[in-house]
């Protein structure tokens, strides 16, 4: 009896499969559309889930950096200059020399000398409210004009806690900076540097080359 039941069940399964395959063959376009729709819905859901997770992480990082930068905003000038000096020493340069403010409102000057002989002039300028309102363009231009003439350096870096990339001023500032050989490290990039400990990408190749030599130097003041 059990053998007959098993044979009957097998035949029934084959017949049912035959009709199912025939139905699918007759309506293949409908099944294909349904499969595409379901697949697209699943893919869209997965992308949305991933993007929301990324947005949540980005918001958390942004909040942490805002808190960090509020602390920087409250620093006095000596504390801000010291903070930037520590970041520059972290580049593992051969020498970092601080020249101070020179009794002007342009900021604190550092000359960084790398083991390959390259020199950069770094100007640390804490936001004085006028920095952002004037877009920082004046500071970029002045620093660019002093790179060779005053400091005998190969490039310049302007570091500030002001935001120089807001609205339509970003492209103009970057264009002037690129023309004059100045790297702008403003509020967002400074926050990233402080949080991660990683210098801006433009300075990382230099750091990587210097790490191979194992040579570091303390901050020197003049």
N, C-alpha and C. Protein backbone atom coordinates (compact mmCIF):
# COMPACT_ATOMS: atom_id res chain seq x y z
N UNK A 1 0.83 -1.21 0.00
CA UNK A 1 0.00 0.00 0.00
C UNK A 1 0.86 1.26 0.00
N UNK A 2 1.90 1.24 0.82
CA UNK A 2 2.79 2.40 0.91
C UNK A 2 3.54 2.62 -0.40
N UNK A 3 3.88 1.53 -1.11
CA UNK A 3 4.59 1.66 -2.38
C UNK A 3 3.68 2.31 -3.41
N UNK A 4 2.43 1.85 -3.46
CA UNK A 4 1.46 2.41 -4.40
C UNK A 4 1.23 3.90 -4.10
N UNK A 5 1.18 4.24 -2.79
CA UNK A 5 0.97 5.64 -2.38
C UNK A 5 2.13 6.52 -2.82
N UNK A 6 3.34 5.99 -2.64
CA UNK A 6 4.53 6.76 -3.04
C UNK A 6 4.58 6.96 -4.54
N UNK A 7 4.24 5.91 -5.31
CA UNK A 7 4.25 6.02 -6.76
C UNK A 7 3.20 7.02 -7.21
N UNK A 8 2.01 6.97 -6.58
CA UNK A 8 0.94 7.91 -6.93
C UNK A 8 1.33 9.34 -6.61
N UNK A 9 1.97 9.51 -5.46
CA UNK A 9 2.39 10.87 -5.06
C UNK A 9 3.43 11.39 -6.05
N UNK A 10 4.34 10.52 -6.50
CA UNK A 10 5.36 10.94 -7.46
C UNK A 10 4.75 11.36 -8.77
N UNK A 11 3.77 10.54 -9.25
CA UNK A 11 3.11 10.87 -10.50
C UNK A 11 2.35 12.19 -10.38
N UNK A 12 1.67 12.37 -9.22
CA UNK A 12 0.93 13.62 -9.00
C UNK A 12 1.87 14.82 -9.00
N UNK A 13 3.04 14.65 -8.41
CA UNK A 13 4.02 15.74 -8.38
C UNK A 13 4.50 16.07 -9.78
N UNK A 14 4.73 15.03 -10.60
CA UNK A 14 5.17 15.26 -11.97
C UNK A 14 4.10 15.98 -12.78
N UNK A 15 2.86 15.56 -12.61
CA UNK A 15 1.76 16.20 -13.34
C UNK A 15 1.61 17.66 -12.92
N UNK A 16 1.67 17.87 -11.58
CA UNK A 16 1.55 19.24 -11.07
C UNK A 16 2.70 20.11 -11.59
N UNK A 17 3.92 19.54 -11.58
CA UNK A 17 5.07 20.28 -12.10
C UNK A 17 4.91 20.61 -13.57
N UNK A 18 4.35 19.67 -14.33
CA UNK A 18 4.13 19.90 -15.75
C UNK A 18 3.20 21.08 -15.98
N UNK A 19 2.09 21.10 -15.21
CA UNK A 19 1.14 22.20 -15.37
C UNK A 19 1.74 23.53 -14.90
N UNK A 20 2.54 23.48 -13.83
CA UNK A 20 3.17 24.72 -13.32
C UNK A 20 4.14 25.28 -14.35
N UNK A 21 4.97 24.39 -14.91
CA UNK A 21 5.92 24.83 -15.93
C UNK A 21 5.19 25.38 -17.15
N UNK A 22 4.13 24.71 -17.52
CA UNK A 22 3.35 25.18 -18.66
C UNK A 22 2.74 26.55 -18.39
N UNK A 23 2.24 26.73 -17.16
CA UNK A 23 1.64 28.02 -16.80
C UNK A 23 2.68 29.14 -16.84
N UNK A 24 3.87 28.83 -16.29
CA UNK A 24 4.95 29.83 -16.30
C UNK A 24 5.37 30.15 -17.74
N UNK A 25 5.46 29.09 -18.58
CA UNK A 25 5.85 29.30 -19.97
C UNK A 25 4.85 30.19 -20.71
N UNK A 26 3.55 30.01 -20.37
CA UNK A 26 2.52 30.80 -21.04
C UNK A 26 2.48 32.24 -20.51
N UNK A 27 2.97 32.43 -19.29
CA UNK A 27 2.89 33.77 -18.68
C UNK A 27 4.28 34.24 -18.23
N UNK A 28 5.31 33.90 -19.02
CA UNK A 28 6.69 34.21 -18.61
C UNK A 28 6.94 35.72 -18.44
N UNK A 29 6.30 36.52 -19.29
CA UNK A 29 6.51 37.97 -19.21
C UNK A 29 6.01 38.52 -17.87
N UNK A 30 4.90 37.99 -17.41
CA UNK A 30 4.33 38.43 -16.12
C UNK A 30 5.26 38.04 -14.98
N UNK A 31 5.74 36.79 -15.00
CA UNK A 31 6.65 36.33 -13.95
C UNK A 31 7.96 37.12 -13.97
N UNK A 32 8.47 37.43 -15.18
CA UNK A 32 9.70 38.20 -15.28
C UNK A 32 9.51 39.60 -14.70
N UNK A 33 8.38 40.21 -15.01
CA UNK A 33 8.10 41.54 -14.47
C UNK A 33 8.00 41.52 -12.96
N UNK A 34 7.35 40.48 -12.44
CA UNK A 34 7.20 40.36 -10.99
C UNK A 34 8.56 40.15 -10.33
N UNK A 35 9.41 39.33 -10.95
CA UNK A 35 10.74 39.08 -10.39
C UNK A 35 11.58 40.36 -10.39
N UNK A 36 11.49 41.11 -11.50
CA UNK A 36 12.23 42.37 -11.58
C UNK A 36 11.73 43.35 -10.53
N UNK A 37 10.41 43.43 -10.36
CA UNK A 37 9.82 44.34 -9.38
C UNK A 37 10.24 43.97 -7.97
N UNK A 38 10.15 42.68 -7.65
CA UNK A 38 10.55 42.25 -6.31
C UNK A 38 12.04 42.47 -6.07
N UNK A 39 12.84 42.14 -7.09
CA UNK A 39 14.28 42.34 -6.95
C UNK A 39 14.64 43.81 -6.78
N UNK A 40 13.99 44.67 -7.58
CA UNK A 40 14.24 46.11 -7.47
C UNK A 40 13.82 46.65 -6.12
N UNK A 41 12.68 46.16 -5.62
CA UNK A 41 12.21 46.61 -4.30
C UNK A 41 13.19 46.18 -3.21
N UNK A 42 13.66 44.93 -3.29
CA UNK A 42 14.61 44.45 -2.30
C UNK A 42 15.92 45.24 -2.35
N UNK A 43 16.40 45.52 -3.57
CA UNK A 43 17.64 46.29 -3.72
C UNK A 43 17.47 47.70 -3.19
N UNK A 44 16.34 48.33 -3.50
CA UNK A 44 16.09 49.70 -3.01
C UNK A 44 16.02 49.72 -1.49
N UNK A 45 15.37 48.69 -0.91
CA UNK A 45 15.31 48.61 0.54
C UNK A 45 16.67 48.45 1.17
N UNK A 46 17.53 47.64 0.55
CA UNK A 46 18.88 47.42 1.08
C UNK A 46 19.70 48.71 0.99
N UNK A 47 19.59 49.42 -0.15
CA UNK A 47 20.33 50.68 -0.31
C UNK A 47 19.84 51.71 0.70
N UNK A 48 18.52 51.79 0.89
CA UNK A 48 17.96 52.74 1.86
C UNK A 48 18.44 52.42 3.26
N UNK A 49 18.46 51.13 3.60
CA UNK A 49 18.92 50.72 4.93
C UNK A 49 20.38 51.11 5.14
N UNK A 50 21.20 50.84 4.12
CA UNK A 50 22.62 51.18 4.22
C UNK A 50 22.82 52.69 4.31
N UNK A 51 22.07 53.44 3.49
CA UNK A 51 22.25 54.90 3.48
C UNK A 51 21.81 55.51 4.81
N UNK A 52 20.73 54.98 5.38
CA UNK A 52 20.29 55.50 6.68
C UNK A 52 21.31 55.20 7.76
N UNK A 53 21.91 54.02 7.70
CA UNK A 53 22.95 53.70 8.66
C UNK A 53 24.15 54.61 8.51
N UNK A 54 24.51 54.88 7.24
CA UNK A 54 25.64 55.79 6.98
C UNK A 54 25.31 57.20 7.44
N UNK A 55 24.07 57.64 7.17
CA UNK A 55 23.66 58.98 7.60
C UNK A 55 23.69 59.09 9.12
N UNK A 56 23.27 58.04 9.81
CA UNK A 56 23.29 58.05 11.28
C UNK A 56 24.72 58.16 11.79
N UNK A 57 25.64 57.40 11.17
CA UNK A 57 27.05 57.48 11.58
C UNK A 57 27.64 58.86 11.26
N UNK A 58 27.27 59.39 10.08
CA UNK A 58 27.78 60.71 9.71
C UNK A 58 27.28 61.78 10.67
N UNK A 59 26.00 61.67 11.08
CA UNK A 59 25.46 62.65 12.02
C UNK A 59 26.17 62.55 13.36
N UNK A 60 26.47 61.32 13.79
CA UNK A 60 27.17 61.14 15.06
C UNK A 60 28.57 61.73 14.99
N UNK A 61 29.27 61.47 13.87
CA UNK A 61 30.62 62.03 13.70
C UNK A 61 30.56 63.54 13.65
N UNK A 62 29.58 64.08 12.91
CA UNK A 62 29.45 65.52 12.79
C UNK A 62 29.19 66.16 14.15
N UNK A 63 28.34 65.53 14.97
CA UNK A 63 28.04 66.06 16.30
C UNK A 63 29.29 66.06 17.17
N UNK A 64 30.07 64.99 17.11
CA UNK A 64 31.30 64.91 17.89
C UNK A 64 32.28 65.99 17.46
N UNK A 65 32.38 66.22 16.17
CA UNK A 65 33.32 67.24 15.67
C UNK A 65 32.85 68.64 16.02
N UNK A 66 31.54 68.87 16.04
CA UNK A 66 31.03 70.18 16.43
C UNK A 66 31.37 70.47 17.88
N UNK A 67 31.22 69.46 18.73
CA UNK A 67 31.58 69.62 20.14
C UNK A 67 33.07 69.91 20.27
N UNK A 68 33.87 69.17 19.50
CA UNK A 68 35.32 69.36 19.51
C UNK A 68 35.69 70.78 19.09
N UNK A 69 35.07 71.28 18.03
CA UNK A 69 35.41 72.60 17.52
C UNK A 69 34.88 73.71 18.42
N UNK A 70 33.82 73.46 19.15
CA UNK A 70 33.37 74.48 20.11
C UNK A 70 34.42 74.69 21.19
N UNK A 71 35.10 73.60 21.55
CA UNK A 71 36.21 73.73 22.50
C UNK A 71 37.36 74.53 21.90
N UNK A 72 37.63 74.30 20.62
CA UNK A 72 38.68 75.06 19.94
C UNK A 72 38.31 76.54 19.87
N UNK A 73 37.03 76.83 19.61
CA UNK A 73 36.58 78.22 19.50
C UNK A 73 36.81 78.99 20.81
N UNK A 74 36.75 78.28 21.93
CA UNK A 74 36.89 78.94 23.24
C UNK A 74 38.36 79.15 23.63
N UNK A 75 39.29 78.58 22.86
CA UNK A 75 40.70 78.72 23.20
C UNK A 75 41.16 80.17 23.00
N UNK A 76 42.12 80.59 23.84
CA UNK A 76 42.78 81.87 23.57
C UNK A 76 43.86 81.64 22.52
N UNK A 77 44.49 82.72 22.08
CA UNK A 77 45.47 82.59 21.00
C UNK A 77 46.65 81.69 21.34
N UNK A 78 47.27 81.82 22.52
CA UNK A 78 48.39 80.93 22.83
C UNK A 78 48.00 79.45 22.81
N UNK A 79 46.80 79.14 23.32
CA UNK A 79 46.35 77.75 23.34
C UNK A 79 46.11 77.24 21.92
N UNK A 80 45.52 78.08 21.08
CA UNK A 80 45.27 77.69 19.69
C UNK A 80 46.58 77.47 18.95
N UNK A 81 47.53 78.38 19.14
CA UNK A 81 48.83 78.24 18.49
C UNK A 81 49.53 76.96 18.94
N UNK A 82 49.43 76.67 20.23
CA UNK A 82 50.06 75.45 20.76
C UNK A 82 49.42 74.21 20.15
N UNK A 83 48.09 74.24 20.00
CA UNK A 83 47.38 73.11 19.40
C UNK A 83 47.86 72.85 17.97
N UNK A 84 47.98 73.91 17.18
CA UNK A 84 48.43 73.75 15.80
C UNK A 84 49.88 73.27 15.78
N UNK A 85 50.70 73.80 16.68
CA UNK A 85 52.10 73.35 16.76
C UNK A 85 52.20 71.85 17.02
N UNK A 86 51.34 71.33 17.90
CA UNK A 86 51.36 69.88 18.18
C UNK A 86 50.95 69.07 16.96
N UNK A 87 49.98 69.57 16.20
CA UNK A 87 49.57 68.88 14.98
C UNK A 87 50.72 68.83 13.97
N UNK A 88 51.45 69.92 13.86
CA UNK A 88 52.55 69.98 12.90
C UNK A 88 53.70 69.08 13.32
N UNK A 89 53.98 69.01 14.61
CA UNK A 89 55.00 68.08 15.10
C UNK A 89 54.60 66.65 14.77
N UNK A 90 53.29 66.38 14.77
CA UNK A 90 52.81 65.04 14.44
C UNK A 90 53.07 64.63 13.01
N UNK A 91 53.48 65.58 12.15
CA UNK A 91 53.83 65.23 10.77
C UNK A 91 55.18 64.54 10.67
N UNK A 92 55.90 64.44 11.79
CA UNK A 92 57.22 63.81 11.82
C UNK A 92 58.20 64.53 10.90
N UNK A 93 58.14 65.85 10.92
CA UNK A 93 59.06 66.63 10.11
C UNK A 93 60.43 66.70 10.78
N UNK A 94 61.41 67.12 10.03
CA UNK A 94 62.76 67.28 10.56
C UNK A 94 62.80 68.43 11.56
N UNK A 95 62.08 69.50 11.26
CA UNK A 95 62.09 70.67 12.14
C UNK A 95 60.79 71.43 12.00
N UNK A 96 60.24 71.87 13.14
CA UNK A 96 59.07 72.75 13.15
C UNK A 96 59.46 73.97 13.97
N UNK A 97 59.54 75.12 13.33
CA UNK A 97 59.98 76.34 14.01
C UNK A 97 58.83 77.34 14.07
N UNK A 98 58.58 77.81 15.27
CA UNK A 98 57.49 78.78 15.49
C UNK A 98 58.06 80.19 15.50
N UNK A 99 57.43 81.08 14.72
CA UNK A 99 57.88 82.46 14.64
C UNK A 99 56.93 83.44 15.30
N UNK A 100 55.80 82.99 15.79
CA UNK A 100 54.89 83.88 16.51
C UNK A 100 54.06 84.74 15.59
N UNK A 101 53.46 85.78 16.17
CA UNK A 101 52.47 86.61 15.46
C UNK A 101 53.05 87.84 14.79
N UNK A 102 54.21 88.25 15.14
CA UNK A 102 54.84 89.42 14.52
C UNK A 102 53.99 90.68 14.67
N UNK A 103 53.23 90.77 15.77
CA UNK A 103 52.45 91.96 16.09
C UNK A 103 51.49 92.36 14.96
N UNK A 104 50.82 91.39 14.38
CA UNK A 104 49.80 91.70 13.38
C UNK A 104 48.64 90.73 13.57
N UNK A 105 47.62 90.89 12.75
CA UNK A 105 46.43 90.05 12.89
C UNK A 105 46.40 88.90 11.90
N UNK A 106 47.55 88.58 11.33
CA UNK A 106 47.59 87.55 10.29
C UNK A 106 47.66 86.14 10.86
N UNK A 107 48.08 86.00 12.10
CA UNK A 107 48.16 84.68 12.71
C UNK A 107 49.57 84.31 13.10
N UNK A 108 49.70 83.09 13.62
CA UNK A 108 51.00 82.59 14.09
C UNK A 108 51.68 81.80 12.96
N UNK A 109 52.97 82.05 12.77
CA UNK A 109 53.70 81.42 11.67
C UNK A 109 54.57 80.26 12.15
N UNK A 110 54.55 79.19 11.39
CA UNK A 110 55.41 78.03 11.62
C UNK A 110 56.10 77.68 10.30
N UNK A 111 57.39 77.41 10.36
CA UNK A 111 58.09 76.90 9.18
C UNK A 111 58.41 75.43 9.45
N UNK A 112 57.89 74.56 8.60
CA UNK A 112 58.08 73.12 8.74
C UNK A 112 59.07 72.66 7.68
N UNK A 113 60.16 72.04 8.13
CA UNK A 113 61.18 71.53 7.23
C UNK A 113 61.16 70.00 7.27
N UNK A 114 61.03 69.38 6.09
CA UNK A 114 60.98 67.93 6.00
C UNK A 114 62.36 67.36 5.67
N UNK A 115 62.51 66.09 5.85
CA UNK A 115 63.82 65.45 5.63
C UNK A 115 64.28 65.52 4.18
N UNK A 116 63.34 65.68 3.26
CA UNK A 116 63.73 65.79 1.85
C UNK A 116 64.13 67.20 1.46
N UNK A 117 64.17 68.10 2.45
CA UNK A 117 64.58 69.47 2.19
C UNK A 117 63.44 70.42 1.87
N UNK A 118 62.23 69.90 1.66
CA UNK A 118 61.09 70.74 1.35
C UNK A 118 60.67 71.51 2.61
N UNK A 119 60.24 72.75 2.38
CA UNK A 119 59.81 73.61 3.48
C UNK A 119 58.42 74.17 3.18
N UNK A 120 57.59 74.22 4.21
CA UNK A 120 56.28 74.84 4.07
C UNK A 120 56.11 75.88 5.18
N UNK A 121 55.45 76.97 4.82
CA UNK A 121 55.10 77.98 5.81
C UNK A 121 53.64 77.74 6.20
N UNK A 122 53.41 77.54 7.48
CA UNK A 122 52.07 77.27 7.99
C UNK A 122 51.62 78.47 8.81
N UNK A 123 50.46 79.00 8.49
CA UNK A 123 49.93 80.12 9.25
C UNK A 123 48.68 79.66 9.99
N UNK A 124 48.74 79.74 11.32
CA UNK A 124 47.60 79.39 12.17
C UNK A 124 46.83 80.66 12.49
N UNK A 125 45.62 80.75 11.99
CA UNK A 125 44.81 81.96 12.18
C UNK A 125 43.50 81.59 12.86
N UNK A 126 43.38 81.96 14.12
CA UNK A 126 42.13 81.70 14.84
C UNK A 126 41.05 82.66 14.36
N UNK A 127 39.84 82.14 14.24
CA UNK A 127 38.74 82.96 13.74
C UNK A 127 38.48 84.14 14.67
N UNK A 128 38.48 85.33 14.11
CA UNK A 128 38.19 86.54 14.88
C UNK A 128 36.90 87.18 14.39
N UNK A 129 36.03 86.36 13.83
CA UNK A 129 34.74 86.78 13.26
C UNK A 129 34.92 87.48 11.91
N UNK A 130 35.93 88.29 11.80
CA UNK A 130 36.19 88.94 10.52
C UNK A 130 36.74 87.95 9.50
N UNK A 131 37.36 86.88 10.00
CA UNK A 131 37.95 85.87 9.12
C UNK A 131 36.88 85.27 8.20
N UNK A 132 35.75 84.89 8.77
CA UNK A 132 34.70 84.28 7.98
C UNK A 132 33.94 85.31 7.16
N UNK A 133 33.66 86.45 7.77
CA UNK A 133 32.87 87.46 7.07
C UNK A 133 33.60 88.00 5.85
N UNK A 134 34.94 87.99 5.91
CA UNK A 134 35.73 88.45 4.76
C UNK A 134 36.18 87.27 3.90
N UNK A 135 35.70 86.08 4.24
CA UNK A 135 35.91 84.88 3.43
C UNK A 135 37.35 84.35 3.47
N UNK A 136 38.22 84.99 4.23
CA UNK A 136 39.59 84.51 4.34
C UNK A 136 40.43 84.75 3.10
N UNK A 137 39.84 85.38 2.09
CA UNK A 137 40.56 85.56 0.82
C UNK A 137 41.80 86.41 1.00
N UNK A 138 41.70 87.42 1.83
CA UNK A 138 42.84 88.30 2.08
C UNK A 138 44.01 87.52 2.68
N UNK A 139 43.70 86.62 3.63
CA UNK A 139 44.75 85.84 4.28
C UNK A 139 45.41 84.87 3.30
N UNK A 140 44.61 84.28 2.43
CA UNK A 140 45.16 83.37 1.42
C UNK A 140 46.11 84.12 0.49
N UNK A 141 45.69 85.29 0.06
CA UNK A 141 46.51 86.07 -0.87
C UNK A 141 47.82 86.53 -0.22
N UNK A 142 47.73 87.01 1.03
CA UNK A 142 48.94 87.48 1.71
C UNK A 142 49.91 86.33 1.93
N UNK A 143 49.39 85.19 2.40
CA UNK A 143 50.26 84.03 2.63
C UNK A 143 50.89 83.57 1.33
N UNK A 144 50.10 83.52 0.27
CA UNK A 144 50.62 83.09 -1.03
C UNK A 144 51.75 83.99 -1.52
N UNK A 145 51.64 85.30 -1.25
CA UNK A 145 52.68 86.22 -1.68
C UNK A 145 53.94 86.15 -0.85
N UNK A 146 53.86 85.53 0.36
CA UNK A 146 55.01 85.47 1.26
C UNK A 146 55.76 84.15 1.19
N UNK A 147 55.20 83.15 0.51
CA UNK A 147 55.79 81.81 0.54
C UNK A 147 57.27 81.83 0.16
N UNK A 148 57.57 82.43 -0.97
CA UNK A 148 58.96 82.51 -1.43
C UNK A 148 59.65 83.78 -0.96
N UNK A 149 58.95 84.89 -1.13
CA UNK A 149 59.58 86.19 -0.89
C UNK A 149 60.03 86.36 0.55
N UNK A 150 59.23 85.94 1.49
CA UNK A 150 59.55 86.16 2.90
C UNK A 150 60.11 84.94 3.60
N UNK A 151 59.54 83.77 3.29
CA UNK A 151 59.88 82.57 4.05
C UNK A 151 60.76 81.58 3.29
N UNK A 152 60.96 81.79 2.02
CA UNK A 152 61.78 80.89 1.20
C UNK A 152 61.29 79.45 1.32
N UNK A 153 59.99 79.27 1.17
CA UNK A 153 59.37 77.95 1.29
C UNK A 153 58.81 77.49 -0.05
N UNK A 154 58.41 76.23 -0.09
CA UNK A 154 57.90 75.65 -1.33
C UNK A 154 56.38 75.72 -1.43
N UNK A 155 55.70 75.84 -0.31
CA UNK A 155 54.24 75.90 -0.30
C UNK A 155 53.79 76.52 1.00
N UNK A 156 52.50 76.88 1.04
CA UNK A 156 51.94 77.47 2.24
C UNK A 156 50.70 76.71 2.68
N UNK A 157 50.42 76.76 3.98
CA UNK A 157 49.23 76.12 4.54
C UNK A 157 48.56 77.11 5.49
N UNK A 158 47.29 77.38 5.25
CA UNK A 158 46.51 78.24 6.14
C UNK A 158 45.59 77.37 6.97
N UNK A 159 45.78 77.38 8.30
CA UNK A 159 44.97 76.57 9.20
C UNK A 159 44.12 77.51 10.06
N UNK A 160 42.82 77.29 10.05
CA UNK A 160 41.91 78.15 10.81
C UNK A 160 40.70 77.36 11.27
N UNK A 161 40.09 77.84 12.36
CA UNK A 161 38.84 77.24 12.81
C UNK A 161 37.63 77.92 12.18
N UNK A 162 37.88 78.88 11.29
CA UNK A 162 36.80 79.51 10.54
C UNK A 162 36.38 78.64 9.37
N UNK A 163 35.16 78.80 8.92
CA UNK A 163 34.66 78.06 7.76
C UNK A 163 34.84 78.91 6.52
N UNK A 164 35.76 78.52 5.67
CA UNK A 164 36.02 79.26 4.43
C UNK A 164 35.40 78.59 3.22
N UNK A 165 34.56 77.58 3.46
CA UNK A 165 33.95 76.84 2.35
C UNK A 165 32.42 76.94 2.39
N UNK A 166 31.91 78.06 2.85
CA UNK A 166 30.46 78.20 2.91
C UNK A 166 29.94 78.92 1.67
N UNK A 167 28.78 78.47 1.24
CA UNK A 167 28.06 79.04 0.09
C UNK A 167 28.97 79.14 -1.15
N UNK A 168 28.93 80.29 -1.82
CA UNK A 168 29.61 80.40 -3.11
C UNK A 168 31.06 80.83 -2.97
N UNK A 169 31.57 80.96 -1.73
CA UNK A 169 32.94 81.43 -1.55
C UNK A 169 33.97 80.30 -1.66
N UNK A 170 33.51 79.07 -1.54
CA UNK A 170 34.44 77.94 -1.52
C UNK A 170 35.27 77.85 -2.79
N UNK A 171 34.61 77.88 -3.94
CA UNK A 171 35.33 77.71 -5.20
C UNK A 171 36.30 78.85 -5.44
N UNK A 172 35.91 80.07 -5.05
CA UNK A 172 36.81 81.21 -5.24
C UNK A 172 38.05 81.08 -4.35
N UNK A 173 37.84 80.72 -3.08
CA UNK A 173 38.97 80.57 -2.16
C UNK A 173 39.91 79.47 -2.63
N UNK A 174 39.34 78.34 -3.07
CA UNK A 174 40.18 77.23 -3.51
C UNK A 174 40.93 77.58 -4.79
N UNK A 175 40.29 78.34 -5.68
CA UNK A 175 40.95 78.72 -6.92
C UNK A 175 42.14 79.64 -6.65
N UNK A 176 41.94 80.62 -5.76
CA UNK A 176 43.03 81.53 -5.41
C UNK A 176 44.14 80.77 -4.70
N UNK A 177 43.75 79.88 -3.78
CA UNK A 177 44.75 79.11 -3.03
C UNK A 177 45.58 78.22 -3.95
N UNK A 178 44.92 77.56 -4.90
CA UNK A 178 45.64 76.68 -5.83
C UNK A 178 46.60 77.48 -6.70
N UNK A 179 46.18 78.66 -7.10
CA UNK A 179 47.02 79.49 -7.96
C UNK A 179 48.27 79.96 -7.21
N UNK A 180 48.13 80.20 -5.90
CA UNK A 180 49.24 80.74 -5.11
C UNK A 180 50.04 79.67 -4.37
N UNK A 181 49.61 78.41 -4.47
CA UNK A 181 50.32 77.33 -3.80
C UNK A 181 50.03 77.24 -2.32
N UNK A 182 48.77 77.53 -1.94
CA UNK A 182 48.35 77.51 -0.54
C UNK A 182 47.33 76.40 -0.33
N UNK A 183 47.51 75.61 0.71
CA UNK A 183 46.53 74.60 1.11
C UNK A 183 45.68 75.19 2.23
N UNK A 184 44.35 75.16 2.06
CA UNK A 184 43.44 75.67 3.08
C UNK A 184 42.96 74.51 3.95
N UNK A 185 43.23 74.63 5.24
CA UNK A 185 42.71 73.67 6.22
C UNK A 185 41.80 74.47 7.14
N UNK A 186 40.52 74.52 6.79
CA UNK A 186 39.61 75.33 7.59
C UNK A 186 38.82 74.44 8.55
N UNK A 187 37.68 74.89 9.00
CA UNK A 187 36.99 74.29 10.14
C UNK A 187 36.76 72.78 10.02
N UNK A 188 36.16 72.35 8.93
CA UNK A 188 35.83 70.93 8.80
C UNK A 188 37.08 70.05 8.71
N UNK A 189 38.08 70.49 7.96
CA UNK A 189 39.29 69.69 7.80
C UNK A 189 40.11 69.68 9.09
N UNK A 190 40.09 70.81 9.80
CA UNK A 190 40.79 70.85 11.09
C UNK A 190 40.11 69.92 12.09
N UNK A 191 38.78 69.91 12.10
CA UNK A 191 38.04 69.02 13.00
C UNK A 191 38.36 67.56 12.70
N UNK A 192 38.42 67.21 11.43
CA UNK A 192 38.76 65.83 11.04
C UNK A 192 40.18 65.49 11.48
N UNK A 193 41.10 66.41 11.30
CA UNK A 193 42.49 66.19 11.70
C UNK A 193 42.59 65.97 13.20
N UNK A 194 41.88 66.78 13.97
CA UNK A 194 41.92 66.66 15.43
C UNK A 194 41.29 65.36 15.91
N UNK A 195 40.18 64.97 15.26
CA UNK A 195 39.46 63.78 15.72
C UNK A 195 40.19 62.49 15.33
N UNK A 196 40.66 62.43 14.11
CA UNK A 196 41.25 61.18 13.62
C UNK A 196 42.75 61.09 13.85
N UNK A 197 43.40 62.24 14.03
CA UNK A 197 44.85 62.23 14.15
C UNK A 197 45.54 62.12 12.82
N UNK A 198 44.77 62.10 11.72
CA UNK A 198 45.33 62.00 10.38
C UNK A 198 45.38 63.37 9.74
N UNK A 199 46.55 63.75 9.27
CA UNK A 199 46.70 65.04 8.60
C UNK A 199 45.91 65.04 7.29
N UNK A 200 45.61 66.21 6.73
CA UNK A 200 44.96 66.27 5.42
C UNK A 200 45.73 65.43 4.40
N UNK A 201 45.00 64.90 3.45
CA UNK A 201 45.58 63.95 2.51
C UNK A 201 46.75 64.54 1.74
N UNK A 202 46.73 65.87 1.53
CA UNK A 202 47.84 66.49 0.81
C UNK A 202 49.16 66.40 1.58
N UNK A 203 49.07 66.24 2.90
CA UNK A 203 50.28 66.15 3.72
C UNK A 203 50.66 64.71 4.07
N UNK A 204 49.78 63.77 3.81
CA UNK A 204 50.06 62.39 4.20
C UNK A 204 51.18 61.73 3.42
N UNK A 205 51.33 61.95 2.11
CA UNK A 205 52.46 61.32 1.41
C UNK A 205 53.80 61.74 2.00
N UNK A 206 53.89 63.01 2.40
CA UNK A 206 55.12 63.48 3.03
C UNK A 206 55.35 62.75 4.33
N UNK A 207 54.27 62.61 5.10
CA UNK A 207 54.40 61.93 6.38
C UNK A 207 54.81 60.47 6.20
N UNK A 208 54.22 59.80 5.22
CA UNK A 208 54.54 58.40 4.99
C UNK A 208 56.01 58.23 4.62
N UNK A 209 56.53 59.15 3.80
CA UNK A 209 57.93 59.07 3.41
C UNK A 209 58.85 59.32 4.60
N UNK A 210 58.41 60.22 5.46
CA UNK A 210 59.24 60.55 6.61
C UNK A 210 59.23 59.44 7.66
N UNK A 211 58.10 58.72 7.78
CA UNK A 211 58.02 57.65 8.77
C UNK A 211 59.05 56.56 8.49
N UNK A 212 59.38 56.39 7.21
CA UNK A 212 60.38 55.37 6.86
C UNK A 212 61.74 55.71 7.42
N UNK A 213 62.01 57.03 7.55
CA UNK A 213 63.31 57.45 8.05
C UNK A 213 63.36 57.41 9.59
N UNK A 214 62.17 57.49 10.23
CA UNK A 214 62.13 57.44 11.68
C UNK A 214 62.65 58.70 12.35
N UNK A 215 62.66 59.82 11.63
CA UNK A 215 63.22 61.05 12.18
C UNK A 215 62.10 62.00 12.56
N UNK A 216 62.12 62.48 13.80
CA UNK A 216 61.17 63.48 14.25
C UNK A 216 61.93 64.59 14.95
N UNK A 217 61.26 65.72 15.11
CA UNK A 217 61.93 66.85 15.75
C UNK A 217 60.97 67.59 16.64
N UNK A 218 61.41 68.17 17.75
CA UNK A 218 60.53 68.94 18.61
C UNK A 218 60.23 70.30 18.01
N UNK A 219 59.21 70.94 18.55
CA UNK A 219 58.85 72.28 18.11
C UNK A 219 59.87 73.27 18.65
N UNK A 220 60.40 74.10 17.77
CA UNK A 220 61.33 75.14 18.17
C UNK A 220 60.66 76.49 18.05
N UNK A 221 60.87 77.33 19.04
CA UNK A 221 60.27 78.66 19.04
C UNK A 221 61.36 79.70 18.86
N UNK A 222 60.95 80.76 18.17
CA UNK A 222 61.89 81.84 17.95
C UNK A 222 61.23 83.16 18.30
